[in-house]
């Protein structure tokens, strides 16, 4: 049974990576992306985060409650493995990028990233995927790529750092 679970986990992880990688073969423009992304609203939902380190088979997992307010930023109320609250305001590097996508800040994004975008039809409806590769040397010093996907809201974010760390955040439910 453990072997079957491991094989299923490996399959799911490998297909998720392929799905994310495919968007990077679909170049786009900031204007086209911003025109076709939905209007994002404030949300409260659950999150699960996994972080993998280079040259390690260890996967760090955390989860809890997530709050996003377009005007105020992001708050993660982590419930496991330790209880803590992390608040990001507009000055945080990653939050600034995610906020620019959500608020459709065309000027900031166009100046700092190459865009990759596609829409896929699934059994659950239309899913959009957005890939960002930094062109700004300061951002390139810490981010290799950012992948976002969702429907009427963001469902997944994957951030690949230049040091090889991969952080995936999945959002579930919400109101």
C-alpha atoms as a PDB file:
ATOM      1  CA  UNK A   1       0.000   0.000   0.000  1.00  0.00           C
ATOM      2  CA  UNK A   2       2.832   2.420   0.846  1.00  0.00           C
ATOM      3  CA  UNK A   3       4.422   1.747  -2.540  1.00  0.00           C
ATOM      4  CA  UNK A   4       1.140   2.513  -4.315  1.00  0.00           C
ATOM      5  CA  UNK A   5       0.794   5.792  -2.386  1.00  0.00           C
ATOM      6  CA  UNK A   6       4.374   6.770  -3.218  1.00  0.00           C
ATOM      7  CA  UNK A   7       3.850   6.009  -6.910  1.00  0.00           C
ATOM      8  CA  UNK A   8       0.640   8.042  -6.953  1.00  0.00           C
ATOM      9  CA  UNK A   9       2.386  10.964  -5.223  1.00  0.00           C
ATOM     10  CA  UNK A  10       5.278  10.848  -7.710  1.00  0.00           C
ATOM     11  CA  UNK A  11       2.824  10.786 -10.620  1.00  0.00           C
ATOM     12  CA  UNK A  12       0.826  13.721  -9.280  1.00  0.00           C
ATOM     13  CA  UNK A  13       3.934  15.786  -8.593  1.00  0.00           C
ATOM     14  CA  UNK A  14       5.392  15.071 -12.020  1.00  0.00           C
ATOM     15  CA  UNK A  15       2.161  15.980 -13.848  1.00  0.00           C
ATOM     16  CA  UNK A  16       1.850  19.224 -11.887  1.00  0.00           C
ATOM     17  CA  UNK A  17       5.369  20.194 -12.979  1.00  0.00           C
ATOM     18  CA  UNK A  18       4.589  19.390 -16.618  1.00  0.00           C
ATOM     19  CA  UNK A  19       1.399  21.455 -16.441  1.00  0.00           C
ATOM     20  CA  UNK A  20       3.297  24.444 -15.035  1.00  0.00           C
ATOM     21  CA  UNK A  21       6.154  24.037 -17.501  1.00  0.00           C
ATOM     22  CA  UNK A  22       3.832  24.071 -20.540  1.00  0.00           C
ATOM     23  CA  UNK A  23       2.758  27.667 -19.985  1.00  0.00           C
ATOM     24  CA  UNK A  24       6.367  28.795 -20.480  1.00  0.00           C
ATOM     25  CA  UNK A  25       6.097  27.717 -24.109  1.00  0.00           C
ATOM     26  CA  UNK A  26       3.257  30.221 -24.680  1.00  0.00           C
ATOM     27  CA  UNK A  27       4.728  33.750 -24.858  1.00  0.00           C
ATOM     28  CA  UNK A  28       2.314  36.629 -24.412  1.00  0.00           C
ATOM     29  CA  UNK A  29       2.236  40.336 -23.655  1.00  0.00           C
ATOM     30  CA  UNK A  30       1.391  42.118 -20.432  1.00  0.00           C
ATOM     31  CA  UNK A  31      -1.538  43.887 -22.043  1.00  0.00           C
ATOM     32  CA  UNK A  32      -3.084  40.645 -23.368  1.00  0.00           C
ATOM     33  CA  UNK A  33      -2.649  38.932 -20.002  1.00  0.00           C
ATOM     34  CA  UNK A  34      -4.088  41.788 -17.981  1.00  0.00           C
ATOM     35  CA  UNK A  35      -7.086  42.066 -20.314  1.00  0.00           C
ATOM     36  CA  UNK A  36      -7.962  38.375 -20.020  1.00  0.00           C
ATOM     37  CA  UNK A  37      -7.331  37.736 -16.313  1.00  0.00           C
ATOM     38  CA  UNK A  38     -10.460  37.943 -14.157  1.00  0.00           C
ATOM     39  CA  UNK A  39     -11.073  40.804 -11.744  1.00  0.00           C
ATOM     40  CA  UNK A  40      -9.733  39.482  -8.443  1.00  0.00           C
ATOM     41  CA  UNK A  41     -11.628  40.057  -5.220  1.00  0.00           C
ATOM     42  CA  UNK A  42     -10.652  39.957  -1.574  1.00  0.00           C
ATOM     43  CA  UNK A  43     -10.625  36.407  -0.242  1.00  0.00           C
ATOM     44  CA  UNK A  44     -10.298  34.270   2.859  1.00  0.00           C
ATOM     45  CA  UNK A  45      -9.420  30.615   2.290  1.00  0.00           C
ATOM     46  CA  UNK A  46      -7.234  27.696   3.341  1.00  0.00           C
ATOM     47  CA  UNK A  47      -3.679  27.310   2.065  1.00  0.00           C
ATOM     48  CA  UNK A  48      -1.195  24.480   1.855  1.00  0.00           C
ATOM     49  CA  UNK A  49       2.432  25.321   1.149  1.00  0.00           C
ATOM     50  CA  UNK A  50       5.237  22.969   0.195  1.00  0.00           C
ATOM     51  CA  UNK A  51       8.848  23.992  -0.082  1.00  0.00           C
ATOM     52  CA  UNK A  52      11.510  21.798  -1.639  1.00  0.00           C
ATOM     53  CA  UNK A  53      15.203  22.460  -1.250  1.00  0.00           C
ATOM     54  CA  UNK A  54      17.798  21.671  -3.908  1.00  0.00           C
ATOM     55  CA  UNK A  55      19.704  18.399  -3.474  1.00  0.00           C
ATOM     56  CA  UNK A  56      17.274  17.256  -0.787  1.00  0.00           C
ATOM     57  CA  UNK A  57      14.327  14.911  -0.725  1.00  0.00           C
ATOM     58  CA  UNK A  58      12.872  16.745   2.261  1.00  0.00           C
ATOM     59  CA  UNK A  59       9.622  18.594   1.572  1.00  0.00           C
ATOM     60  CA  UNK A  60       8.669  21.240   4.121  1.00  0.00           C
ATOM     61  CA  UNK A  61       4.905  21.481   4.515  1.00  0.00           C
ATOM     62  CA  UNK A  62       2.790  24.102   6.188  1.00  0.00           C
ATOM     63  CA  UNK A  63      -0.805  25.216   6.046  1.00  0.00           C
ATOM     64  CA  UNK A  64      -3.538  27.261   7.591  1.00  0.00           C
ATOM     65  CA  UNK A  65      -5.738  30.204   6.742  1.00  0.00           C
ATOM     66  CA  UNK A  66      -5.037  32.837   4.122  1.00  0.00           C
ATOM     67  CA  UNK A  67      -6.465  36.353   3.820  1.00  0.00           C
ATOM     68  CA  UNK A  68      -5.969  38.626   0.837  1.00  0.00           C
ATOM     69  CA  UNK A  69      -7.155  42.210   0.718  1.00  0.00           C
ATOM     70  CA  UNK A  70      -6.367  44.060  -2.533  1.00  0.00           C
ATOM     71  CA  UNK A  71      -5.693  47.283  -0.654  1.00  0.00           C
ATOM     72  CA  UNK A  72      -3.830  45.922   2.372  1.00  0.00           C
ATOM     73  CA  UNK A  73      -1.936  42.844   1.173  1.00  0.00           C
ATOM     74  CA  UNK A  74      -1.564  39.246   2.278  1.00  0.00           C
ATOM     75  CA  UNK A  75      -1.769  37.499   5.653  1.00  0.00           C
ATOM     76  CA  UNK A  76      -0.905  33.829   6.244  1.00  0.00           C
ATOM     77  CA  UNK A  77      -2.230  32.397   9.526  1.00  0.00           C
ATOM     78  CA  UNK A  78      -0.087  29.276   9.644  1.00  0.00           C
ATOM     79  CA  UNK A  79      -1.598  26.517  11.810  1.00  0.00           C
ATOM     80  CA  UNK A  80       0.955  23.769  11.207  1.00  0.00           C
ATOM     81  CA  UNK A  81       3.705  22.736  11.727  1.00  0.00           C
ATOM     82  CA  UNK A  82       3.939  25.782  14.003  1.00  0.00           C
ATOM     83  CA  UNK A  83       1.360  28.442  14.767  1.00  0.00           C
ATOM     84  CA  UNK A  84       2.354  31.868  13.459  1.00  0.00           C
ATOM     85  CA  UNK A  85       1.033  34.852  11.550  1.00  0.00           C
ATOM     86  CA  UNK A  86       2.911  36.283   8.593  1.00  0.00           C
ATOM     87  CA  UNK A  87       1.743  39.577   7.181  1.00  0.00           C
ATOM     88  CA  UNK A  88       3.074  40.958   3.925  1.00  0.00           C
ATOM     89  CA  UNK A  89       2.539  44.541   2.969  1.00  0.00           C
ATOM     90  CA  UNK A  90       3.248  46.125  -0.392  1.00  0.00           C
ATOM     91  CA  UNK A  91       6.964  46.511   0.423  1.00  0.00           C
ATOM     92  CA  UNK A  92       7.693  42.777   0.425  1.00  0.00           C
ATOM     93  CA  UNK A  93       9.299  41.614  -2.831  1.00  0.00           C
ATOM     94  CA  UNK A  94       7.082  38.626  -3.679  1.00  0.00           C
ATOM     95  CA  UNK A  95       3.922  40.296  -2.418  1.00  0.00           C
ATOM     96  CA  UNK A  96       4.659  43.293  -4.630  1.00  0.00           C
ATOM     97  CA  UNK A  97       4.753  41.027  -7.680  1.00  0.00           C
ATOM     98  CA  UNK A  98       1.607  39.069  -6.745  1.00  0.00           C
ATOM     99  CA  UNK A  99      -0.213  42.309  -5.896  1.00  0.00           C
ATOM    100  CA  UNK A 100       0.804  43.735  -9.275  1.00  0.00           C
ATOM    101  CA  UNK A 101      -0.804  40.735 -11.004  1.00  0.00           C
ATOM    102  CA  UNK A 102      -3.964  40.888  -8.891  1.00  0.00           C
ATOM    103  CA  UNK A 103      -4.298  44.651  -9.273  1.00  0.00           C
ATOM    104  CA  UNK A 104      -3.339  44.462 -12.959  1.00  0.00           C
ATOM    105  CA  UNK A 105      -0.435  46.888 -12.622  1.00  0.00           C
ATOM    106  CA  UNK A 106       0.529  46.725 -16.302  1.00  0.00           C
ATOM    107  CA  UNK A 107       3.401  49.234 -16.064  1.00  0.00           C
ATOM    108  CA  UNK A 108       5.256  47.483 -13.224  1.00  0.00           C
ATOM    109  CA  UNK A 109       4.825  44.009 -14.699  1.00  0.00           C
ATOM    110  CA  UNK A 110       5.719  44.988 -18.258  1.00  0.00           C
ATOM    111  CA  UNK A 111       8.889  46.713 -17.080  1.00  0.00           C
ATOM    112  CA  UNK A 112      10.077  43.755 -14.987  1.00  0.00           C
ATOM    113  CA  UNK A 113       8.912  40.483 -16.620  1.00  0.00           C
ATOM    114  CA  UNK A 114       8.486  38.408 -19.746  1.00  0.00           C
ATOM    115  CA  UNK A 115       4.962  36.985 -19.944  1.00  0.00           C
ATOM    116  CA  UNK A 116       3.688  33.522 -20.742  1.00  0.00           C
ATOM    117  CA  UNK A 117      -0.034  32.840 -20.721  1.00  0.00           C
ATOM    118  CA  UNK A 118      -2.609  30.315 -21.801  1.00  0.00           C
ATOM    119  CA  UNK A 119      -6.167  29.261 -21.073  1.00  0.00           C
ATOM    120  CA  UNK A 120      -7.130  25.586 -20.939  1.00  0.00           C
ATOM    121  CA  UNK A 121     -10.555  23.991 -20.913  1.00  0.00           C
ATOM    122  CA  UNK A 122     -10.932  21.324 -18.211  1.00  0.00           C
ATOM    123  CA  UNK A 123     -13.800  19.323 -16.771  1.00  0.00           C
ATOM    124  CA  UNK A 124     -13.981  22.025 -14.050  1.00  0.00           C
ATOM    125  CA  UNK A 125     -14.179  24.886 -16.550  1.00  0.00           C
ATOM    126  CA  UNK A 126     -11.592  27.303 -17.881  1.00  0.00           C
ATOM    127  CA  UNK A 127      -8.236  27.452 -16.127  1.00  0.00           C
ATOM    128  CA  UNK A 128      -5.792  30.256 -16.849  1.00  0.00           C
ATOM    129  CA  UNK A 129      -2.048  29.925 -16.358  1.00  0.00           C
ATOM    130  CA  UNK A 130       0.429  32.775 -16.100  1.00  0.00           C
ATOM    131  CA  UNK A 131       4.198  32.431 -16.159  1.00  0.00           C
ATOM    132  CA  UNK A 132       6.524  35.290 -15.315  1.00  0.00           C
ATOM    133  CA  UNK A 133      10.265  35.339 -15.988  1.00  0.00           C
ATOM    134  CA  UNK A 134      12.088  38.371 -14.602  1.00  0.00           C
ATOM    135  CA  UNK A 135      14.019  40.685 -16.915  1.00  0.00           C
ATOM    136  CA  UNK A 136      14.889  43.179 -14.165  1.00  0.00           C
ATOM    137  CA  UNK A 137      18.383  42.352 -12.841  1.00  0.00           C
ATOM    138  CA  UNK A 138      17.413  42.980  -9.213  1.00  0.00           C
ATOM    139  CA  UNK A 139      14.435  40.585  -9.399  1.00  0.00           C
ATOM    140  CA  UNK A 140      16.514  38.081 -11.412  1.00  0.00           C
ATOM    141  CA  UNK A 141      18.947  37.927  -8.482  1.00  0.00           C
ATOM    142  CA  UNK A 142      16.406  36.038  -6.349  1.00  0.00           C
ATOM    143  CA  UNK A 143      13.604  34.716  -8.639  1.00  0.00           C
ATOM    144  CA  UNK A 144      13.973  32.321 -11.555  1.00  0.00           C
ATOM    145  CA  UNK A 145      10.254  32.119 -12.396  1.00  0.00           C
ATOM    146  CA  UNK A 146       6.758  32.574 -11.019  1.00  0.00           C
ATOM    147  CA  UNK A 147       3.784  30.456 -12.050  1.00  0.00           C
ATOM    148  CA  UNK A 148       0.180  31.293 -11.180  1.00  0.00           C
ATOM    149  CA  UNK A 149      -2.988  29.474 -12.156  1.00  0.00           C
ATOM    150  CA  UNK A 150      -6.660  29.685 -11.350  1.00  0.00           C
ATOM    151  CA  UNK A 151     -10.151  30.294 -12.585  1.00  0.00           C
ATOM    152  CA  UNK A 152     -12.062  33.232 -11.087  1.00  0.00           C
ATOM    153  CA  UNK A 153      -9.355  33.423  -8.412  1.00  0.00           C
ATOM    154  CA  UNK A 154      -5.785  32.283  -7.989  1.00  0.00           C
ATOM    155  CA  UNK A 155      -5.632  28.591  -7.062  1.00  0.00           C
ATOM    156  CA  UNK A 156      -1.884  27.979  -7.170  1.00  0.00           C
ATOM    157  CA  UNK A 157       1.362  29.922  -7.012  1.00  0.00           C
ATOM    158  CA  UNK A 158       4.755  28.365  -7.654  1.00  0.00           C
ATOM    159  CA  UNK A 159       7.916  30.379  -7.091  1.00  0.00           C
ATOM    160  CA  UNK A 160      11.273  29.063  -8.237  1.00  0.00           C
ATOM    161  CA  UNK A 161      14.180  30.859  -6.625  1.00  0.00           C
ATOM    162  CA  UNK A 162      17.621  31.152  -8.182  1.00  0.00           C
ATOM    163  CA  UNK A 163      19.033  29.085  -5.301  1.00  0.00           C
ATOM    164  CA  UNK A 164      16.877  26.124  -6.402  1.00  0.00           C
ATOM    165  CA  UNK A 165      14.193  26.397  -3.713  1.00  0.00           C
ATOM    166  CA  UNK A 166      10.694  25.737  -5.086  1.00  0.00           C
ATOM    167  CA  UNK A 167       7.721  27.053  -3.098  1.00  0.00           C
ATOM    168  CA  UNK A 168       4.214  25.971  -4.048  1.00  0.00           C
ATOM    169  CA  UNK A 169       1.124  27.443  -2.446  1.00  0.00           C
ATOM    170  CA  UNK A 170      -2.281  25.939  -3.138  1.00  0.00           C
ATOM    171  CA  UNK A 171      -5.466  27.750  -2.120  1.00  0.00           C
ATOM    172  CA  UNK A 172      -8.681  25.885  -1.309  1.00  0.00           C
ATOM    173  CA  UNK A 173     -12.241  27.020  -0.649  1.00  0.00           C
ATOM    174  CA  UNK A 174     -12.811  30.601   0.181  1.00  0.00           C
ATOM    175  CA  UNK A 175     -15.346  33.283   0.723  1.00  0.00           C
END
